[in-house]
Amino acid sequence: MDAASRQAIIENYRALYRKHGSGPDVAQLSAEGQRFRFEKLAAIGSMTGAKVLDLGCNLGDLYPFLCERYGNIDYTGIDIVPEIISAAKQTHPGARFLCRDVLRDGLTESFDYILISGMFNNAMTGATDFLEQMTRIAFAHCTKAVAFNFISSHVSFEDPGMQYHDPLTVFRYCIEQLTKKVSIFHHYERCDVAVFAYR
């Protein structure tokens, strides 16, 4: 991600946070849309007692969802917008939140599962490279699996502010660069794609 795209992403979510304050609108989602994405990613495996990283966590709404489903988890959320991370810390004191640019600063520890929801939805320069870089870092720091989602390029209408990825290109990248143990779910709900990459 180039500097201009990075700043545009920060300003976009900062503006959403200032406008809405809380809820899935800050992540550019409806409550229903957020939930079906969470449900799909959470199906990657049992996370009871697991160490889980929510990469691009926004306000940390995934944390209570996972706790409801799996009980006790060791949750960390990472995002690049300082105000949003501060709000997440206040809302979810039982979780850990870090403001960190993973592409620039990397990750310093490993997790059982790494989940990435909505990170690849905003239009930007070099979007495919960004997806590949982020998932490569995530997979290098997971001990069990990485789950991520994106919007399929096989749609009948495109919003110029959103990013659409070719599922065949992403699948080929995962198999050739990450792991042979890959599952892909295309159009499981609307035009969304979920990918599970296992160790």
N, C-alpha and C. Protein backbone atom coordinates (compact mmCIF):
# COMPACT_ATOMS: atom_id res chain seq x y z
N MET A 1 0.84 -1.19 0.00
CA MET A 1 0.00 0.00 0.00
C MET A 1 0.89 1.25 0.00
N ASP A 2 0.66 2.14 -0.95
CA ASP A 2 1.46 3.36 -0.98
C ASP A 2 0.96 4.34 0.09
N ALA A 3 1.74 5.39 0.33
CA ALA A 3 1.45 6.32 1.42
C ALA A 3 0.10 7.02 1.22
N ALA A 4 -0.22 7.36 -0.02
CA ALA A 4 -1.48 8.05 -0.29
C ALA A 4 -2.68 7.14 0.01
N SER A 5 -2.58 5.87 -0.40
CA SER A 5 -3.66 4.93 -0.14
C SER A 5 -3.82 4.69 1.36
N ARG A 6 -2.69 4.56 2.04
CA ARG A 6 -2.73 4.36 3.49
C ARG A 6 -3.43 5.52 4.18
N GLN A 7 -3.07 6.74 3.82
CA GLN A 7 -3.68 7.91 4.45
C GLN A 7 -5.16 8.02 4.11
N ALA A 8 -5.51 7.66 2.87
CA ALA A 8 -6.92 7.71 2.47
C ALA A 8 -7.75 6.72 3.27
N ILE A 9 -7.20 5.54 3.53
CA ILE A 9 -7.90 4.54 4.34
C ILE A 9 -8.10 5.05 5.77
N ILE A 10 -7.03 5.60 6.34
CA ILE A 10 -7.13 6.14 7.70
C ILE A 10 -8.19 7.23 7.78
N GLU A 11 -8.17 8.15 6.83
CA GLU A 11 -9.12 9.26 6.86
C GLU A 11 -10.55 8.78 6.64
N ASN A 12 -10.72 7.78 5.80
CA ASN A 12 -12.05 7.23 5.55
C ASN A 12 -12.66 6.67 6.83
N TYR A 13 -11.90 5.83 7.54
CA TYR A 13 -12.45 5.20 8.75
C TYR A 13 -12.50 6.18 9.92
N ARG A 14 -11.60 7.14 9.92
CA ARG A 14 -11.66 8.19 10.95
C ARG A 14 -12.96 8.99 10.78
N ALA A 15 -13.31 9.31 9.54
CA ALA A 15 -14.55 10.06 9.28
C ALA A 15 -15.78 9.23 9.66
N LEU A 16 -15.74 7.93 9.37
CA LEU A 16 -16.86 7.06 9.73
C LEU A 16 -17.02 6.98 11.25
N TYR A 17 -15.89 6.93 11.95
CA TYR A 17 -15.94 6.87 13.41
C TYR A 17 -16.52 8.18 13.97
N ARG A 18 -16.08 9.31 13.43
CA ARG A 18 -16.59 10.59 13.91
C ARG A 18 -18.10 10.74 13.63
N LYS A 19 -18.54 10.19 12.53
CA LYS A 19 -19.95 10.29 12.16
C LYS A 19 -20.83 9.37 12.99
N HIS A 20 -20.39 8.12 13.18
CA HIS A 20 -21.26 7.10 13.80
C HIS A 20 -20.91 6.79 15.25
N GLY A 21 -19.65 6.91 15.62
CA GLY A 21 -19.25 6.67 17.01
C GLY A 21 -19.11 5.22 17.41
N SER A 22 -20.03 4.38 16.96
CA SER A 22 -19.97 2.96 17.29
C SER A 22 -20.81 2.19 16.29
N GLY A 23 -20.71 0.86 16.36
CA GLY A 23 -21.54 0.01 15.51
C GLY A 23 -20.88 -0.34 14.19
N PRO A 24 -21.51 -1.23 13.42
CA PRO A 24 -20.94 -1.72 12.17
C PRO A 24 -20.80 -0.66 11.09
N ASP A 25 -21.54 0.47 11.21
CA ASP A 25 -21.39 1.55 10.23
C ASP A 25 -19.96 2.07 10.17
N VAL A 26 -19.25 2.00 11.29
CA VAL A 26 -17.85 2.46 11.33
C VAL A 26 -16.97 1.56 10.47
N ALA A 27 -17.42 0.33 10.23
CA ALA A 27 -16.69 -0.61 9.37
C ALA A 27 -17.30 -0.68 7.98
N GLN A 28 -18.16 0.28 7.63
CA GLN A 28 -18.83 0.32 6.32
C GLN A 28 -19.75 -0.86 6.11
N LEU A 29 -20.38 -1.35 7.17
CA LEU A 29 -21.23 -2.53 7.08
C LEU A 29 -22.57 -2.28 7.77
N SER A 30 -23.57 -3.05 7.36
CA SER A 30 -24.81 -3.13 8.12
C SER A 30 -24.62 -4.16 9.22
N ALA A 31 -25.50 -4.16 10.20
CA ALA A 31 -25.42 -5.16 11.27
C ALA A 31 -25.53 -6.56 10.69
N GLU A 32 -26.44 -6.73 9.73
CA GLU A 32 -26.62 -8.04 9.09
C GLU A 32 -25.37 -8.44 8.30
N GLY A 33 -24.83 -7.50 7.55
CA GLY A 33 -23.64 -7.79 6.74
C GLY A 33 -22.44 -8.13 7.59
N GLN A 34 -22.28 -7.41 8.69
CA GLN A 34 -21.17 -7.70 9.58
C GLN A 34 -21.31 -9.09 10.17
N ARG A 35 -22.53 -9.45 10.58
CA ARG A 35 -22.73 -10.74 11.24
C ARG A 35 -22.48 -11.91 10.29
N PHE A 36 -22.98 -11.83 9.04
CA PHE A 36 -22.76 -13.00 8.19
C PHE A 36 -21.29 -13.14 7.81
N ARG A 37 -20.56 -12.04 7.75
CA ARG A 37 -19.12 -12.15 7.50
C ARG A 37 -18.41 -12.77 8.71
N PHE A 38 -18.79 -12.34 9.91
CA PHE A 38 -18.20 -12.91 11.12
C PHE A 38 -18.52 -14.40 11.22
N GLU A 39 -19.76 -14.77 10.92
CA GLU A 39 -20.16 -16.17 11.02
C GLU A 39 -19.34 -17.05 10.08
N LYS A 40 -19.09 -16.54 8.89
CA LYS A 40 -18.32 -17.34 7.92
C LYS A 40 -16.88 -17.50 8.38
N LEU A 41 -16.23 -16.41 8.76
CA LEU A 41 -14.83 -16.50 9.18
C LEU A 41 -14.68 -17.34 10.44
N ALA A 42 -15.63 -17.26 11.35
CA ALA A 42 -15.54 -18.01 12.60
C ALA A 42 -15.68 -19.50 12.39
N ALA A 43 -16.16 -19.91 11.23
CA ALA A 43 -16.33 -21.34 10.94
C ALA A 43 -15.03 -22.02 10.55
N ILE A 44 -13.92 -21.30 10.55
CA ILE A 44 -12.64 -21.88 10.14
C ILE A 44 -12.19 -22.99 11.09
N GLY A 45 -12.59 -22.92 12.35
CA GLY A 45 -12.22 -23.95 13.32
C GLY A 45 -12.60 -23.51 14.72
N SER A 46 -12.55 -24.45 15.66
CA SER A 46 -12.89 -24.12 17.04
C SER A 46 -11.83 -23.20 17.64
N MET A 47 -12.25 -22.08 18.18
CA MET A 47 -11.32 -21.13 18.76
C MET A 47 -11.38 -21.10 20.28
N THR A 48 -12.05 -22.06 20.88
CA THR A 48 -12.12 -22.12 22.33
C THR A 48 -10.72 -22.20 22.92
N GLY A 49 -10.38 -21.22 23.75
CA GLY A 49 -9.05 -21.19 24.36
C GLY A 49 -7.93 -20.80 23.42
N ALA A 50 -8.25 -20.42 22.19
CA ALA A 50 -7.23 -20.13 21.19
C ALA A 50 -6.73 -18.69 21.30
N LYS A 51 -5.53 -18.50 20.78
CA LYS A 51 -4.95 -17.16 20.65
C LYS A 51 -5.32 -16.65 19.25
N VAL A 52 -6.12 -15.57 19.21
CA VAL A 52 -6.71 -15.10 17.96
C VAL A 52 -6.31 -13.66 17.69
N LEU A 53 -5.91 -13.39 16.45
CA LEU A 53 -5.64 -12.02 16.01
C LEU A 53 -6.70 -11.60 15.03
N ASP A 54 -7.32 -10.45 15.30
CA ASP A 54 -8.28 -9.82 14.40
C ASP A 54 -7.52 -8.68 13.72
N LEU A 55 -7.11 -8.90 12.49
CA LEU A 55 -6.26 -7.96 11.77
C LEU A 55 -7.13 -7.00 10.97
N GLY A 56 -7.00 -5.69 11.29
CA GLY A 56 -7.93 -4.71 10.73
C GLY A 56 -9.22 -4.76 11.53
N CYS A 57 -9.07 -4.71 12.85
CA CYS A 57 -10.18 -5.03 13.78
C CYS A 57 -11.25 -3.97 13.87
N ASN A 58 -10.97 -2.73 13.40
CA ASN A 58 -11.93 -1.64 13.56
C ASN A 58 -12.25 -1.50 15.05
N LEU A 59 -13.51 -1.48 15.43
CA LEU A 59 -13.88 -1.27 16.84
C LEU A 59 -13.87 -2.55 17.68
N GLY A 60 -13.42 -3.64 17.09
CA GLY A 60 -13.33 -4.89 17.85
C GLY A 60 -14.64 -5.61 18.01
N ASP A 61 -15.61 -5.38 17.12
CA ASP A 61 -16.91 -6.03 17.23
C ASP A 61 -16.82 -7.55 17.09
N LEU A 62 -15.75 -8.03 16.47
CA LEU A 62 -15.58 -9.49 16.34
C LEU A 62 -15.32 -10.15 17.69
N TYR A 63 -14.73 -9.41 18.63
CA TYR A 63 -14.39 -9.99 19.92
C TYR A 63 -15.60 -10.54 20.68
N PRO A 64 -16.66 -9.75 20.93
CA PRO A 64 -17.81 -10.32 21.63
C PRO A 64 -18.49 -11.43 20.84
N PHE A 65 -18.47 -11.33 19.51
CA PHE A 65 -19.04 -12.38 18.68
C PHE A 65 -18.32 -13.71 18.92
N LEU A 66 -16.99 -13.68 18.91
CA LEU A 66 -16.22 -14.90 19.12
C LEU A 66 -16.38 -15.43 20.55
N CYS A 67 -16.45 -14.52 21.52
CA CYS A 67 -16.65 -14.95 22.91
C CYS A 67 -18.00 -15.64 23.07
N GLU A 68 -19.01 -15.10 22.41
CA GLU A 68 -20.35 -15.71 22.46
C GLU A 68 -20.34 -17.10 21.86
N ARG A 69 -19.57 -17.27 20.80
CA ARG A 69 -19.55 -18.55 20.09
C ARG A 69 -18.62 -19.56 20.74
N TYR A 70 -17.44 -19.12 21.18
CA TYR A 70 -16.41 -20.06 21.62
C TYR A 70 -16.02 -19.93 23.09
N GLY A 71 -16.61 -18.98 23.80
CA GLY A 71 -16.24 -18.83 25.20
C GLY A 71 -14.92 -18.09 25.32
N ASN A 72 -14.09 -18.55 26.19
CA ASN A 72 -12.83 -17.87 26.48
C ASN A 72 -11.86 -17.94 25.31
N ILE A 73 -11.42 -16.79 24.83
CA ILE A 73 -10.38 -16.72 23.82
C ILE A 73 -9.36 -15.66 24.23
N ASP A 74 -8.16 -15.80 23.73
CA ASP A 74 -7.09 -14.81 23.93
C ASP A 74 -7.07 -13.94 22.68
N TYR A 75 -7.76 -12.80 22.74
CA TYR A 75 -8.01 -11.98 21.56
C TYR A 75 -7.10 -10.77 21.52
N THR A 76 -6.53 -10.52 20.33
CA THR A 76 -5.81 -9.28 20.05
C THR A 76 -6.40 -8.66 18.78
N GLY A 77 -6.66 -7.36 18.82
CA GLY A 77 -7.11 -6.65 17.64
C GLY A 77 -6.08 -5.62 17.23
N ILE A 78 -5.81 -5.53 15.93
CA ILE A 78 -4.85 -4.56 15.40
C ILE A 78 -5.53 -3.73 14.32
N ASP A 79 -5.31 -2.41 14.38
CA ASP A 79 -5.83 -1.51 13.36
C ASP A 79 -4.87 -0.32 13.25
N ILE A 80 -5.00 0.46 12.16
CA ILE A 80 -4.07 1.58 11.95
C ILE A 80 -4.67 2.94 12.30
N VAL A 81 -5.93 2.96 12.78
CA VAL A 81 -6.57 4.24 13.11
C VAL A 81 -6.55 4.42 14.62
N PRO A 82 -5.76 5.37 15.14
CA PRO A 82 -5.58 5.51 16.59
C PRO A 82 -6.89 5.73 17.36
N GLU A 83 -7.76 6.59 16.84
CA GLU A 83 -9.00 6.88 17.55
C GLU A 83 -9.88 5.64 17.69
N ILE A 84 -9.88 4.82 16.65
CA ILE A 84 -10.70 3.61 16.67
C ILE A 84 -10.13 2.60 17.66
N ILE A 85 -8.82 2.49 17.72
CA ILE A 85 -8.20 1.58 18.69
C ILE A 85 -8.47 2.05 20.11
N SER A 86 -8.40 3.36 20.35
CA SER A 86 -8.71 3.89 21.69
C SER A 86 -10.14 3.56 22.10
N ALA A 87 -11.07 3.70 21.17
CA ALA A 87 -12.47 3.38 21.45
C ALA A 87 -12.66 1.90 21.72
N ALA A 88 -11.97 1.06 20.95
CA ALA A 88 -12.08 -0.39 21.14
C ALA A 88 -11.58 -0.80 22.52
N LYS A 89 -10.48 -0.20 22.97
CA LYS A 89 -9.95 -0.50 24.29
C LYS A 89 -10.96 -0.17 25.39
N GLN A 90 -11.65 0.94 25.24
CA GLN A 90 -12.64 1.35 26.24
C GLN A 90 -13.87 0.43 26.21
N THR A 91 -14.27 0.02 25.02
CA THR A 91 -15.47 -0.80 24.88
C THR A 91 -15.24 -2.24 25.32
N HIS A 92 -14.03 -2.76 25.06
CA HIS A 92 -13.75 -4.18 25.32
C HIS A 92 -12.50 -4.30 26.20
N PRO A 93 -12.62 -4.01 27.49
CA PRO A 93 -11.44 -4.05 28.37
C PRO A 93 -10.85 -5.45 28.55
N GLY A 94 -11.61 -6.49 28.21
CA GLY A 94 -11.09 -7.84 28.35
C GLY A 94 -10.23 -8.29 27.19
N ALA A 95 -10.09 -7.44 26.19
CA ALA A 95 -9.29 -7.78 25.01
C ALA A 95 -8.07 -6.88 24.93
N ARG A 96 -7.17 -7.21 24.04
CA ARG A 96 -5.98 -6.40 23.82
C ARG A 96 -6.07 -5.77 22.43
N PHE A 97 -5.78 -4.47 22.35
CA PHE A 97 -5.83 -3.76 21.07
C PHE A 97 -4.53 -3.00 20.85
N LEU A 98 -4.04 -3.05 19.62
CA LEU A 98 -2.80 -2.39 19.26
C LEU A 98 -3.01 -1.54 18.02
N CYS A 99 -2.46 -0.32 18.03
CA CYS A 99 -2.44 0.51 16.82
C CYS A 99 -1.11 0.24 16.14
N ARG A 100 -1.18 -0.41 14.98
CA ARG A 100 0.06 -0.87 14.35
C ARG A 100 -0.13 -0.99 12.85
N ASP A 101 0.87 -0.57 12.10
CA ASP A 101 0.92 -0.76 10.66
C ASP A 101 1.71 -2.03 10.40
N VAL A 102 1.01 -3.11 10.15
CA VAL A 102 1.65 -4.42 10.03
C VAL A 102 2.57 -4.49 8.82
N LEU A 103 2.21 -3.82 7.73
CA LEU A 103 3.09 -3.83 6.55
C LEU A 103 4.42 -3.16 6.85
N ARG A 104 4.39 -2.11 7.63
CA ARG A 104 5.61 -1.37 7.95
C ARG A 104 6.36 -1.98 9.13
N ASP A 105 5.62 -2.37 10.17
CA ASP A 105 6.25 -2.79 11.42
C ASP A 105 6.22 -4.30 11.65
N GLY A 106 5.49 -5.04 10.84
CA GLY A 106 5.42 -6.49 10.98
C GLY A 106 4.64 -6.92 12.21
N LEU A 107 4.67 -8.23 12.47
CA LEU A 107 4.09 -8.81 13.67
C LEU A 107 5.22 -9.39 14.50
N THR A 108 5.09 -9.32 15.81
CA THR A 108 6.18 -9.75 16.69
C THR A 108 5.85 -11.04 17.44
N GLU A 109 4.69 -11.63 17.15
CA GLU A 109 4.30 -12.87 17.83
C GLU A 109 3.41 -13.69 16.90
N SER A 110 3.16 -14.92 17.31
CA SER A 110 2.32 -15.82 16.52
C SER A 110 0.97 -16.01 17.20
N PHE A 111 0.00 -16.44 16.42
CA PHE A 111 -1.37 -16.66 16.88
C PHE A 111 -1.87 -17.98 16.31
N ASP A 112 -2.82 -18.60 17.00
CA ASP A 112 -3.41 -19.82 16.45
C ASP A 112 -4.18 -19.49 15.18
N TYR A 113 -5.07 -18.52 15.28
CA TYR A 113 -5.88 -18.11 14.14
C TYR A 113 -5.72 -16.61 13.90
N ILE A 114 -5.67 -16.23 12.63
CA ILE A 114 -5.68 -14.82 12.26
C ILE A 114 -6.86 -14.60 11.32
N LEU A 115 -7.72 -13.66 11.68
CA LEU A 115 -8.92 -13.37 10.90
C LEU A 115 -8.83 -11.95 10.34
N ILE A 116 -9.20 -11.81 9.07
CA ILE A 116 -9.14 -10.51 8.40
C ILE A 116 -10.48 -10.28 7.72
N SER A 117 -11.26 -9.35 8.24
CA SER A 117 -12.59 -9.10 7.69
C SER A 117 -12.71 -7.66 7.19
N GLY A 118 -13.00 -7.51 5.91
CA GLY A 118 -13.26 -6.20 5.34
C GLY A 118 -12.04 -5.38 4.97
N MET A 119 -10.86 -5.89 5.25
CA MET A 119 -9.64 -5.10 5.00
C MET A 119 -9.39 -4.84 3.52
N PHE A 120 -9.89 -5.72 2.66
CA PHE A 120 -9.55 -5.62 1.24
C PHE A 120 -10.70 -5.06 0.40
N ASN A 121 -11.62 -4.34 1.06
CA ASN A 121 -12.83 -3.86 0.38
C ASN A 121 -12.71 -2.46 -0.20
N ASN A 122 -11.74 -1.67 0.26
CA ASN A 122 -11.64 -0.28 -0.21
C ASN A 122 -10.76 -0.17 -1.44
N ALA A 123 -11.22 0.59 -2.42
CA ALA A 123 -10.44 0.80 -3.64
C ALA A 123 -9.11 1.48 -3.30
N MET A 124 -8.04 0.97 -3.89
CA MET A 124 -6.72 1.55 -3.67
C MET A 124 -5.78 1.14 -4.79
N THR A 125 -4.68 1.87 -4.92
CA THR A 125 -3.64 1.51 -5.86
C THR A 125 -2.93 0.25 -5.35
N GLY A 126 -2.68 -0.70 -6.25
CA GLY A 126 -1.96 -1.91 -5.86
C GLY A 126 -2.74 -2.80 -4.92
N ALA A 127 -4.05 -2.90 -5.13
CA ALA A 127 -4.91 -3.65 -4.20
C ALA A 127 -4.55 -5.13 -4.12
N THR A 128 -4.23 -5.74 -5.25
CA THR A 128 -3.88 -7.17 -5.24
C THR A 128 -2.59 -7.41 -4.48
N ASP A 129 -1.60 -6.55 -4.70
CA ASP A 129 -0.34 -6.66 -3.96
C ASP A 129 -0.58 -6.51 -2.46
N PHE A 130 -1.44 -5.58 -2.10
CA PHE A 130 -1.76 -5.36 -0.68
C PHE A 130 -2.38 -6.62 -0.07
N LEU A 131 -3.35 -7.20 -0.76
CA LEU A 131 -3.97 -8.43 -0.26
C LEU A 131 -2.93 -9.53 -0.07
N GLU A 132 -2.07 -9.69 -1.06
CA GLU A 132 -1.06 -10.75 -0.98
C GLU A 132 -0.05 -10.48 0.13
N GLN A 133 0.38 -9.25 0.28
CA GLN A 133 1.35 -8.92 1.34
C GLN A 133 0.77 -9.16 2.73
N MET A 134 -0.47 -8.72 2.93
CA MET A 134 -1.09 -8.86 4.25
C MET A 134 -1.34 -10.32 4.59
N THR A 135 -1.84 -11.09 3.64
CA THR A 135 -2.12 -12.49 3.93
C THR A 135 -0.83 -13.29 4.08
N ARG A 136 0.22 -12.88 3.38
CA ARG A 136 1.51 -13.56 3.54
C ARG A 136 2.06 -13.34 4.95
N ILE A 137 1.98 -12.11 5.43
CA ILE A 137 2.42 -11.82 6.80
C ILE A 137 1.57 -12.59 7.80
N ALA A 138 0.25 -12.58 7.59
CA ALA A 138 -0.65 -13.28 8.51
C ALA A 138 -0.34 -14.77 8.55
N PHE A 139 -0.17 -15.37 7.38
CA PHE A 139 0.05 -16.82 7.37
C PHE A 139 1.39 -17.19 8.01
N ALA A 140 2.37 -16.34 7.87
CA ALA A 140 3.67 -16.59 8.49
C ALA A 140 3.60 -16.55 10.01
N HIS A 141 2.55 -15.93 10.56
CA HIS A 141 2.44 -15.77 12.01
C HIS A 141 1.26 -16.52 12.60
N CYS A 142 0.71 -17.48 11.87
CA CYS A 142 -0.36 -18.32 12.43
C CYS A 142 0.16 -19.73 12.62
N THR A 143 -0.38 -20.41 13.62
CA THR A 143 0.00 -21.80 13.85
C THR A 143 -1.06 -22.77 13.35
N LYS A 144 -2.29 -22.26 13.11
CA LYS A 144 -3.36 -23.14 12.63
C LYS A 144 -3.94 -22.71 11.29
N ALA A 145 -4.39 -21.46 11.20
CA ALA A 145 -5.05 -21.04 9.96
C ALA A 145 -5.26 -19.53 9.91
N VAL A 146 -5.46 -19.06 8.67
CA VAL A 146 -5.85 -17.67 8.40
C VAL A 146 -7.17 -17.69 7.64
N ALA A 147 -8.08 -16.82 8.02
CA ALA A 147 -9.34 -16.65 7.29
C ALA A 147 -9.46 -15.19 6.88
N PHE A 148 -9.81 -14.95 5.63
CA PHE A 148 -10.01 -13.58 5.17
C PHE A 148 -11.13 -13.53 4.14
N ASN A 149 -11.67 -12.34 3.94
CA ASN A 149 -12.73 -12.17 2.96
C ASN A 149 -12.44 -11.01 2.03
N PHE A 150 -13.16 -10.99 0.92
CA PHE A 150 -13.05 -9.90 -0.05
C PHE A 150 -14.28 -9.92 -0.94
N ILE A 151 -14.40 -8.92 -1.79
CA ILE A 151 -15.54 -8.84 -2.71
C ILE A 151 -15.12 -9.42 -4.06
N SER A 152 -15.94 -10.31 -4.59
CA SER A 152 -15.64 -10.95 -5.87
C SER A 152 -15.73 -9.96 -7.03
N SER A 153 -14.88 -10.18 -8.01
CA SER A 153 -14.95 -9.38 -9.24
C SER A 153 -16.09 -9.86 -10.16
N HIS A 154 -16.68 -11.00 -9.82
CA HIS A 154 -17.78 -11.55 -10.62
C HIS A 154 -19.10 -11.00 -10.09
N VAL A 155 -19.35 -9.74 -10.39
CA VAL A 155 -20.55 -9.05 -9.94
C VAL A 155 -21.20 -8.35 -11.13
N SER A 156 -22.45 -7.96 -10.95
CA SER A 156 -23.15 -7.27 -12.03
C SER A 156 -23.08 -5.74 -11.90
N PHE A 157 -22.61 -5.27 -10.73
CA PHE A 157 -22.52 -3.83 -10.50
C PHE A 157 -21.31 -3.56 -9.62
N GLU A 158 -20.57 -2.49 -9.92
CA GLU A 158 -19.40 -2.13 -9.11
C GLU A 158 -19.53 -0.72 -8.58
N ASP A 159 -19.22 -0.55 -7.30
CA ASP A 159 -19.13 0.75 -6.65
C ASP A 159 -17.70 1.25 -6.82
N PRO A 160 -17.48 2.43 -7.40
CA PRO A 160 -16.11 2.90 -7.65
C PRO A 160 -15.27 3.07 -6.38
N GLY A 161 -15.91 3.16 -5.23
CA GLY A 161 -15.15 3.30 -3.99
C GLY A 161 -14.74 1.98 -3.37
N MET A 162 -15.20 0.88 -3.97
CA MET A 162 -14.91 -0.44 -3.42
C MET A 162 -13.94 -1.20 -4.32
N GLN A 163 -13.30 -2.21 -3.75
CA GLN A 163 -12.30 -2.99 -4.47
C GLN A 163 -12.83 -4.39 -4.73
N TYR A 164 -12.65 -4.86 -5.95
CA TYR A 164 -13.12 -6.18 -6.36
C TYR A 164 -11.93 -7.02 -6.78
N HIS A 165 -11.85 -8.23 -6.25
CA HIS A 165 -10.71 -9.10 -6.52
C HIS A 165 -11.17 -10.34 -7.29
N ASP A 166 -10.31 -10.79 -8.20
CA ASP A 166 -10.60 -12.00 -8.96
C ASP A 166 -10.36 -13.21 -8.07
N PRO A 167 -11.40 -14.00 -7.76
CA PRO A 167 -11.23 -15.13 -6.86
C PRO A 167 -10.25 -16.18 -7.38
N LEU A 168 -10.17 -16.35 -8.71
CA LEU A 168 -9.23 -17.33 -9.26
C LEU A 168 -7.78 -16.89 -9.02
N THR A 169 -7.52 -15.59 -9.16
CA THR A 169 -6.18 -15.07 -8.90
C THR A 169 -5.81 -15.24 -7.44
N VAL A 170 -6.75 -14.95 -6.55
CA VAL A 170 -6.48 -15.08 -5.11
C VAL A 170 -6.27 -16.54 -4.74
N PHE A 171 -7.11 -17.42 -5.28
CA PHE A 171 -6.98 -18.85 -4.98
C PHE A 171 -5.63 -19.39 -5.46
N ARG A 172 -5.25 -18.99 -6.68
CA ARG A 172 -3.96 -19.45 -7.23
C ARG A 172 -2.80 -18.95 -6.37
N TYR A 173 -2.87 -17.71 -5.97
CA TYR A 173 -1.83 -17.16 -5.09
C TYR A 173 -1.73 -17.96 -3.79
N CYS A 174 -2.88 -18.24 -3.17
CA CYS A 174 -2.86 -18.98 -1.90
C CYS A 174 -2.24 -20.36 -2.06
N ILE A 175 -2.63 -21.06 -3.10
CA ILE A 175 -2.11 -22.43 -3.31
C ILE A 175 -0.62 -22.42 -3.64
N GLU A 176 -0.20 -21.44 -4.43
CA GLU A 176 1.20 -21.41 -4.87
C GLU A 176 2.13 -20.76 -3.86
N GLN A 177 1.63 -19.82 -3.06
CA GLN A 177 2.50 -19.05 -2.18
C GLN A 177 2.29 -19.31 -0.68
N LEU A 178 1.10 -19.79 -0.29
CA LEU A 178 0.83 -19.97 1.13
C LEU A 178 0.78 -21.43 1.53
N THR A 179 -0.20 -22.16 1.03
CA THR A 179 -0.42 -23.54 1.46
C THR A 179 -1.32 -24.26 0.46
N LYS A 180 -1.16 -25.57 0.36
CA LYS A 180 -2.07 -26.36 -0.48
C LYS A 180 -3.41 -26.58 0.20
N LYS A 181 -3.46 -26.35 1.51
CA LYS A 181 -4.69 -26.58 2.28
C LYS A 181 -5.54 -25.31 2.29
N VAL A 182 -6.26 -25.09 1.19
CA VAL A 182 -7.03 -23.87 1.01
C VAL A 182 -8.48 -24.21 0.69
N SER A 183 -9.41 -23.52 1.32
CA SER A 183 -10.82 -23.61 0.97
C SER A 183 -11.28 -22.22 0.56
N ILE A 184 -12.08 -22.14 -0.50
CA ILE A 184 -12.61 -20.85 -0.95
C ILE A 184 -14.12 -20.97 -1.10
N PHE A 185 -14.83 -19.96 -0.61
CA PHE A 185 -16.29 -19.95 -0.65
C PHE A 185 -16.71 -18.72 -1.44
N HIS A 186 -17.23 -18.95 -2.64
CA HIS A 186 -17.54 -17.87 -3.56
C HIS A 186 -19.03 -17.57 -3.57
N HIS A 187 -19.37 -16.29 -3.40
CA HIS A 187 -20.77 -15.85 -3.37
C HIS A 187 -21.55 -16.60 -2.30
N TYR A 188 -20.91 -16.88 -1.15
CA TYR A 188 -21.64 -17.55 -0.07
C TYR A 188 -22.74 -16.65 0.47
N GLU A 189 -22.60 -15.36 0.28
CA GLU A 189 -23.64 -14.40 0.65
C GLU A 189 -23.40 -13.17 -0.22
N ARG A 190 -24.36 -12.83 -1.06
CA ARG A 190 -24.19 -11.71 -1.98
C ARG A 190 -22.96 -11.95 -2.85
N CYS A 191 -22.03 -11.00 -2.90
CA CYS A 191 -20.87 -11.17 -3.78
C CYS A 191 -19.58 -11.37 -2.97
N ASP A 192 -19.72 -11.87 -1.76
CA ASP A 192 -18.56 -12.04 -0.90
C ASP A 192 -17.84 -13.36 -1.13
N VAL A 193 -16.54 -13.32 -0.87
CA VAL A 193 -15.70 -14.51 -0.95
C VAL A 193 -14.96 -14.65 0.38
N ALA A 194 -14.92 -15.87 0.89
CA ALA A 194 -14.12 -16.16 2.09
C ALA A 194 -13.09 -17.20 1.74
N VAL A 195 -11.90 -17.03 2.29
CA VAL A 195 -10.81 -17.97 2.05
C VAL A 195 -10.28 -18.46 3.40
N PHE A 196 -10.13 -19.79 3.53
CA PHE A 196 -9.50 -20.40 4.70
C PHE A 196 -8.20 -21.02 4.24
N ALA A 197 -7.10 -20.62 4.85
CA ALA A 197 -5.78 -21.17 4.53
C ALA A 197 -5.23 -21.83 5.77
N TYR A 198 -5.02 -23.14 5.72
CA TYR A 198 -4.63 -23.93 6.88
C TYR A 198 -3.16 -24.34 6.84
N ARG A 199 -2.58 -24.48 8.01
CA ARG A 199 -1.24 -25.04 8.15
C ARG A 199 -1.28 -26.53 7.83
